[in-house]
Amino acid sequence: MTSSSPGREALAYAASRLVRHSAELGPAPSLAAAGPEARLVLMAGEAMIVRAAPDGGTATALLVPDEAGSAGERAHEIFLGRAEGRPVFAAAVAAEAAEAFPAPAYRALDLRALAAEGAVEREEQGLLATAKSLLAWHARNGFCANCGHPTVIGAGGFRRECGSCGLHHFPRTDPVAIMLVRRGESCLLGRGRHFKPGMYSCLAGFIEPGETVEDAVRRETREETGIAVGAVAYHASQPWPFPASLMIGCVADALSEAIRTDPDELEDARWFTRAEVAAMIAGAHAEGLTVPPATAIAHLLMRGWVEGALDSAAAPNA
């Protein structure tokens, strides 16, 4: 890519300054005992509480614990790890607790808006993605899937433990294959019914149990469009904390051309030339068609293909 083109450095949630605690690192400190150097990520419903910089600089969602005192009862308080040597915690409060943080000193932003605005530093976005994914997991896993008894937080929040049957439960990440499928000088893009008008993107789908990334690319492409795929290669990845996915970006070579869309999967799919995709990226397509923003891995794949960065990426594999 050219130096003026947004690349991997533009991907949302893909950089983090967090040194994770994880479940293998022994006892975790408590927020109460961590002292004034501790920082707290506070989620009010689906929004992060963000403090504006007093000098007009970059805002932050790493709050001093005392700032959260007026937010009410905190749920699922967890220890994420350390950022720049400071212990970092995360906790959830009710959505209405955001009203306790007055504007303009504070804002409540969901992670999509936070990334779209660049409201916090890029290296903080990944930390916040970790916080959101873990808090969402704790909210959904209060009971043991083995025996049904209540579970409690362990390993600082990177595990839940059942006091009845002794089983340990760990946070899950849902892998998603997202692929730029190409054939000659064209690539295959589709649009879901929930997309904003005129936007096309790469095909994508969850990887199923016992399935390789390559086979997931082939299966999802075939299911959604009827296109057969041969060679597949990995290109880049992006955490997607809605609630806890990992987008695995691939480039793939099509073996067929006729499209048969599944209406339950896609509203439309079509082949686009490099010139058309370049115009879509530039916002100059004759039909007003657009692509996802540079913060999304689909944009990275499409721009990389337009600029020739993916021309030799795929290699035969089983």
Protein backbone atom coordinates (compact mmCIF):
# COMPACT_ATOMS: atom_id res chain seq x y z
CA MET A 1 0.00 0.00 0.00
CA THR A 2 1.04 3.56 -0.54
CA SER A 3 2.04 5.59 2.47
CA SER A 4 -1.05 7.81 2.05
CA SER A 5 -3.47 4.87 2.17
CA PRO A 6 -4.95 3.74 5.50
CA GLY A 7 -3.71 0.23 6.26
CA ARG A 8 -3.64 -2.04 9.28
CA GLU A 9 -2.94 0.93 11.52
CA ALA A 10 -6.48 2.14 10.79
CA LEU A 11 -8.21 -1.04 12.04
CA ALA A 12 -10.35 -0.47 15.10
CA TYR A 13 -9.64 -2.50 18.25
CA ALA A 14 -6.54 -4.11 16.70
CA ALA A 15 -3.91 -2.42 18.90
CA SER A 16 -3.71 -2.57 22.68
CA ARG A 17 -1.31 -1.39 25.34
CA LEU A 18 -2.76 -3.93 27.77
CA VAL A 19 -0.48 -6.54 29.30
CA ARG A 20 -3.18 -9.09 30.08
CA HIS A 21 -3.56 -10.78 33.43
CA SER A 22 -5.09 -14.01 32.02
CA ALA A 23 -6.07 -17.10 33.98
CA GLU A 24 -2.54 -18.47 34.37
CA LEU A 25 -0.90 -15.62 36.25
CA GLY A 26 -2.10 -16.33 39.77
CA PRO A 27 -4.09 -14.12 42.16
CA ALA A 28 -5.27 -10.76 40.88
CA PRO A 29 -5.30 -7.55 42.90
CA SER A 30 -8.57 -5.96 43.92
CA LEU A 31 -9.54 -2.48 42.84
CA ALA A 32 -9.90 -1.42 46.48
CA ALA A 33 -6.31 -2.46 47.23
CA ALA A 34 -4.75 -1.25 43.98
CA GLY A 35 -4.28 2.33 45.14
CA PRO A 36 -4.53 5.67 43.34
CA GLU A 37 -2.52 4.53 40.33
CA ALA A 38 -5.29 2.10 39.30
CA ARG A 39 -7.53 2.85 36.34
CA LEU A 40 -11.10 1.71 35.76
CA VAL A 41 -13.00 1.11 32.51
CA LEU A 42 -16.70 1.66 33.21
CA MET A 43 -19.43 0.33 30.92
CA ALA A 44 -22.89 1.86 31.32
CA GLY A 45 -25.11 -0.49 29.38
CA GLU A 46 -23.41 -0.73 25.98
CA ALA A 47 -21.53 2.57 26.33
CA MET A 48 -18.09 3.38 27.68
CA ILE A 49 -17.74 6.39 29.97
CA VAL A 50 -15.10 8.61 28.34
CA ARG A 51 -13.44 11.58 30.04
CA ALA A 52 -12.54 14.55 27.86
CA ALA A 53 -8.99 15.83 28.00
CA PRO A 54 -8.90 19.20 29.81
CA ASP A 55 -6.42 20.62 27.30
CA GLY A 56 -8.43 19.57 24.26
CA GLY A 57 -6.24 16.52 23.64
CA THR A 58 -7.31 12.90 23.21
CA ALA A 59 -9.99 11.66 25.58
CA THR A 60 -9.67 8.47 27.63
CA ALA A 61 -11.92 5.77 29.07
CA LEU A 62 -9.33 4.89 31.73
CA LEU A 63 -10.92 6.58 34.72
CA VAL A 64 -9.55 7.18 38.19
CA PRO A 65 -11.64 4.88 40.44
CA ASP A 66 -12.96 7.80 42.50
CA GLU A 67 -14.64 9.15 39.36
CA ALA A 68 -16.95 6.13 39.29
CA GLY A 69 -18.25 6.66 42.81
CA SER A 70 -21.50 8.28 41.70
CA ALA A 71 -22.36 5.59 39.16
CA GLY A 72 -24.03 3.26 41.64
CA GLU A 73 -23.51 -0.45 42.16
CA ARG A 74 -20.89 -2.02 39.91
CA ALA A 75 -21.29 -5.52 38.52
CA HIS A 76 -18.66 -8.02 37.36
CA GLU A 77 -15.65 -6.05 38.54
CA ILE A 78 -12.63 -7.64 36.83
CA PHE A 79 -8.88 -7.12 36.60
CA LEU A 80 -7.75 -6.78 32.99
CA GLY A 81 -4.01 -6.47 33.56
CA ARG A 82 -1.65 -3.53 33.34
CA ALA A 83 -1.27 -0.65 30.92
CA GLU A 84 1.93 1.38 31.10
CA GLY A 85 2.53 -0.20 34.51
CA ARG A 86 -0.84 0.79 35.99
CA PRO A 87 -3.34 -1.88 37.09
CA VAL A 88 -6.49 -1.65 34.96
CA PHE A 89 -9.92 -2.88 36.00
CA ALA A 90 -13.30 -2.97 34.30
CA ALA A 91 -16.84 -2.98 35.66
CA ALA A 92 -20.40 -2.69 34.42
CA VAL A 93 -23.13 -0.36 35.67
CA ALA A 94 -26.70 0.26 34.57
CA ALA A 95 -27.17 2.25 31.36
CA GLU A 96 -28.85 5.11 33.22
CA ALA A 97 -25.72 5.51 35.36
CA ALA A 98 -24.20 7.42 32.43
CA GLU A 99 -26.34 10.37 33.54
CA ALA A 100 -24.10 10.71 36.61
CA PHE A 101 -21.24 11.83 34.34
CA PRO A 102 -21.97 15.39 33.20
CA ALA A 103 -21.16 16.76 29.76
CA PRO A 104 -18.90 18.13 28.41
CA ALA A 105 -16.39 16.66 30.85
CA TYR A 106 -17.67 13.14 30.12
CA ARG A 107 -19.37 11.32 27.27
CA ALA A 108 -21.01 7.90 26.97
CA LEU A 109 -19.98 6.26 23.68
CA ASP A 110 -20.53 2.76 22.37
CA LEU A 111 -17.47 1.07 20.89
CA ARG A 112 -18.56 1.58 17.28
CA ALA A 113 -18.94 5.35 17.75
CA LEU A 114 -15.77 5.48 19.81
CA ALA A 115 -13.77 3.88 16.98
CA ALA A 116 -15.48 5.84 14.20
CA GLU A 117 -14.67 9.12 15.91
CA GLY A 118 -11.19 8.13 17.02
CA ALA A 119 -12.35 9.38 20.41
CA VAL A 120 -9.51 7.65 22.29
CA GLU A 121 -6.03 6.60 21.27
CA ARG A 122 -5.85 3.56 19.01
CA GLU A 123 -3.87 1.57 21.58
CA GLU A 124 -6.69 2.16 24.06
CA GLN A 125 -9.36 0.81 21.68
CA GLY A 126 -8.03 -2.73 21.94
CA LEU A 127 -8.00 -2.55 25.72
CA LEU A 128 -11.64 -1.39 25.69
CA ALA A 129 -12.54 -4.22 23.32
CA THR A 130 -11.12 -6.67 25.86
CA ALA A 131 -13.12 -5.03 28.63
CA LYS A 132 -16.39 -5.14 26.70
CA SER A 133 -15.96 -8.73 25.57
CA LEU A 134 -15.11 -9.98 29.07
CA LEU A 135 -17.92 -8.03 30.75
CA ALA A 136 -20.43 -9.35 28.19
CA TRP A 137 -19.21 -12.90 28.82
CA HIS A 138 -19.60 -12.55 32.59
CA ALA A 139 -23.11 -11.15 32.17
CA ARG A 140 -24.15 -14.25 30.19
CA ASN A 141 -22.39 -16.93 32.27
CA GLY A 142 -23.60 -16.60 35.81
CA PHE A 143 -24.49 -20.30 36.02
CA CYS A 144 -22.52 -23.47 35.41
CA ALA A 145 -23.27 -25.10 32.06
CA ASN A 146 -22.45 -28.47 33.62
CA CYS A 147 -24.59 -28.54 36.77
CA GLY A 148 -26.59 -25.31 36.74
CA HIS A 149 -25.24 -23.87 39.97
CA PRO A 150 -24.13 -20.22 40.25
CA THR A 151 -20.54 -19.48 39.28
CA VAL A 152 -18.17 -16.88 40.69
CA ILE A 153 -15.40 -14.81 39.13
CA GLY A 154 -11.93 -16.33 39.25
CA ALA A 155 -8.45 -15.39 38.00
CA GLY A 156 -9.34 -11.72 38.20
CA GLY A 157 -12.11 -12.15 35.64
CA PHE A 158 -10.46 -14.41 33.07
CA ARG A 159 -12.35 -17.42 34.47
CA ARG A 160 -15.59 -18.36 36.22
CA GLU A 161 -15.63 -21.14 38.79
CA CYS A 162 -18.39 -23.45 39.94
CA GLY A 163 -18.32 -24.18 43.66
CA SER A 164 -20.64 -27.15 43.23
CA CYS A 165 -19.02 -29.37 40.58
CA GLY A 166 -15.62 -27.63 40.49
CA LEU A 167 -15.71 -26.91 36.75
CA HIS A 168 -13.82 -23.89 35.42
CA HIS A 169 -15.33 -21.85 32.59
CA PHE A 170 -13.22 -19.62 30.34
CA PRO A 171 -14.13 -16.70 28.09
CA ARG A 172 -14.79 -17.66 24.49
CA THR A 173 -13.92 -15.94 21.24
CA ASP A 174 -16.05 -16.63 18.18
CA PRO A 175 -13.89 -16.85 15.02
CA VAL A 176 -15.32 -15.34 11.84
CA ALA A 177 -13.86 -15.79 8.36
CA ILE A 178 -14.09 -12.67 6.21
CA MET A 179 -12.83 -12.97 2.65
CA LEU A 180 -11.96 -11.01 -0.44
CA VAL A 181 -12.89 -13.48 -3.20
CA ARG A 182 -11.31 -12.60 -6.55
CA ARG A 183 -11.45 -13.86 -10.10
CA GLY A 184 -9.17 -12.22 -12.64
CA GLU A 185 -9.62 -8.45 -12.39
CA SER A 186 -12.88 -8.66 -10.42
CA CYS A 187 -13.77 -9.34 -6.81
CA LEU A 188 -16.96 -10.64 -5.22
CA LEU A 189 -18.82 -8.36 -2.80
CA GLY A 190 -22.22 -8.62 -1.21
CA ARG A 191 -24.64 -6.69 0.93
CA GLY A 192 -26.82 -7.86 3.79
CA ARG A 193 -30.30 -6.54 4.41
CA HIS A 194 -29.09 -4.69 7.49
CA PHE A 195 -26.40 -2.74 5.57
CA LYS A 196 -26.85 0.96 5.06
CA PRO A 197 -28.13 1.76 1.54
CA GLY A 198 -25.57 1.30 -1.23
CA MET A 199 -22.86 -0.32 0.89
CA TYR A 200 -21.16 -3.53 -0.29
CA SER A 201 -18.63 -5.52 1.68
CA CYS A 202 -16.64 -8.75 1.75
CA LEU A 203 -18.46 -12.00 2.46
CA ALA A 204 -18.13 -13.32 5.99
CA GLY A 205 -19.38 -16.06 8.30
CA PHE A 206 -18.70 -17.86 11.55
CA ILE A 207 -16.25 -20.74 11.53
CA GLU A 208 -17.96 -23.94 12.63
CA PRO A 209 -16.62 -26.57 15.08
CA GLY A 210 -14.07 -28.88 13.49
CA GLU A 211 -13.61 -26.60 10.48
CA THR A 212 -10.43 -24.98 9.18
CA VAL A 213 -10.36 -21.30 8.29
CA GLU A 214 -9.84 -22.23 4.63
CA ASP A 215 -12.84 -24.54 4.54
CA ALA A 216 -14.99 -21.94 6.30
CA VAL A 217 -14.09 -19.45 3.55
CA ARG A 218 -15.08 -22.01 0.90
CA ARG A 219 -18.30 -23.06 2.64
CA GLU A 220 -19.56 -19.56 3.40
CA THR A 221 -18.83 -18.34 -0.12
CA ARG A 222 -20.63 -21.32 -1.63
CA GLU A 223 -23.62 -21.03 0.74
CA GLU A 224 -24.09 -17.30 0.23
CA THR A 225 -23.35 -16.95 -3.49
CA GLY A 226 -22.93 -20.39 -5.06
CA ILE A 227 -19.34 -19.52 -6.01
CA ALA A 228 -16.74 -22.29 -5.67
CA VAL A 229 -13.43 -21.28 -4.06
CA GLY A 230 -10.01 -22.89 -4.41
CA ALA A 231 -6.87 -21.35 -2.89
CA VAL A 232 -7.25 -19.39 0.35
CA ALA A 233 -4.65 -17.39 2.28
CA TYR A 234 -4.68 -15.46 5.54
CA HIS A 235 -4.04 -11.71 5.39
CA ALA A 236 -4.90 -9.97 8.70
CA SER A 237 -7.21 -10.17 11.70
CA GLN A 238 -9.30 -7.83 13.81
CA PRO A 239 -10.98 -8.25 17.20
CA TRP A 240 -14.68 -7.46 16.87
CA PRO A 241 -16.17 -7.03 20.37
CA PHE A 242 -19.87 -7.40 19.47
CA PRO A 243 -19.79 -9.25 21.71
CA ALA A 244 -16.56 -11.26 21.27
CA SER A 245 -15.62 -12.21 17.72
CA LEU A 246 -12.30 -12.36 15.91
CA MET A 247 -12.45 -11.42 12.23
CA ILE A 248 -9.94 -13.52 10.28
CA GLY A 249 -9.30 -11.75 6.99
CA CYS A 250 -8.47 -13.90 3.97
CA VAL A 251 -8.01 -13.60 0.23
CA ALA A 252 -9.42 -16.41 -1.92
CA ASP A 253 -9.49 -17.46 -5.57
CA ALA A 254 -12.85 -18.20 -7.16
CA LEU A 255 -13.21 -21.27 -9.38
CA SER A 256 -16.59 -20.29 -10.84
CA GLU A 257 -18.37 -17.10 -11.87
CA ALA A 258 -22.17 -17.55 -11.88
CA ILE A 259 -23.72 -16.07 -8.71
CA ARG A 260 -26.75 -17.60 -6.99
CA THR A 261 -27.46 -15.59 -3.84
CA ASP A 262 -29.23 -17.06 -0.85
CA PRO A 263 -31.93 -14.49 0.02
CA ASP A 264 -31.75 -15.54 3.66
CA GLU A 265 -28.06 -14.59 3.70
CA LEU A 266 -27.64 -11.68 1.26
CA GLU A 267 -29.76 -9.02 -0.37
CA ASP A 268 -27.36 -8.90 -3.33
CA ALA A 269 -23.92 -10.03 -4.50
CA ARG A 270 -22.00 -9.11 -7.63
CA TRP A 271 -18.57 -8.95 -9.23
CA PHE A 272 -16.82 -5.56 -9.14
CA THR A 273 -13.78 -4.47 -11.12
CA ARG A 274 -10.77 -2.83 -9.47
CA ALA A 275 -11.81 0.51 -10.95
CA GLU A 276 -15.29 0.17 -9.47
CA VAL A 277 -14.00 -0.74 -6.02
CA ALA A 278 -11.47 2.10 -6.16
CA ALA A 279 -14.34 4.48 -6.93
CA MET A 280 -16.40 3.05 -4.06
CA ILE A 281 -13.50 3.56 -1.65
CA ALA A 282 -13.07 7.13 -2.90
CA GLY A 283 -16.81 7.84 -2.58
CA ALA A 284 -17.05 8.50 -6.31
CA HIS A 285 -18.94 5.48 -7.64
CA ALA A 286 -21.43 6.35 -10.40
CA GLU A 287 -24.26 4.51 -8.58
CA GLY A 288 -23.34 5.99 -5.21
CA LEU A 289 -22.12 2.62 -3.91
CA THR A 290 -19.83 2.61 -0.88
CA VAL A 291 -17.69 0.28 1.25
CA PRO A 292 -17.18 -0.08 5.02
CA PRO A 293 -14.96 2.52 6.71
CA ALA A 294 -11.20 2.17 7.07
CA THR A 295 -11.68 0.99 10.67
CA ALA A 296 -13.14 -2.31 9.35
CA ILE A 297 -11.06 -5.24 8.08
CA ALA A 298 -13.31 -5.50 5.00
CA HIS A 299 -12.00 -2.09 3.93
CA LEU A 300 -8.41 -3.25 4.44
CA LEU A 301 -8.99 -6.28 2.22
CA MET A 302 -10.71 -4.28 -0.50
CA ARG A 303 -8.12 -1.52 -0.55
CA GLY A 304 -5.30 -4.06 -0.52
CA TRP A 305 -6.79 -5.79 -3.56
CA VAL A 306 -7.31 -2.49 -5.43
CA GLU A 307 -3.70 -1.47 -4.80
CA GLY A 308 -2.27 -4.87 -5.78
CA ALA A 309 -1.09 -5.83 -2.30
CA LEU A 310 -3.08 -9.09 -2.40
CA ASP A 311 -2.23 -10.15 -5.95
CA SER A 312 0.04 -13.00 -4.88
CA ALA A 313 -1.40 -13.69 -1.47
CA ALA A 314 -3.35 -16.90 -2.08
CA ALA A 315 -1.62 -20.23 -2.49
CA PRO A 316 -3.10 -23.69 -3.02
CA ASN A 317 -3.99 -25.49 0.18
CA ALA A 318 -6.30 -28.28 1.27
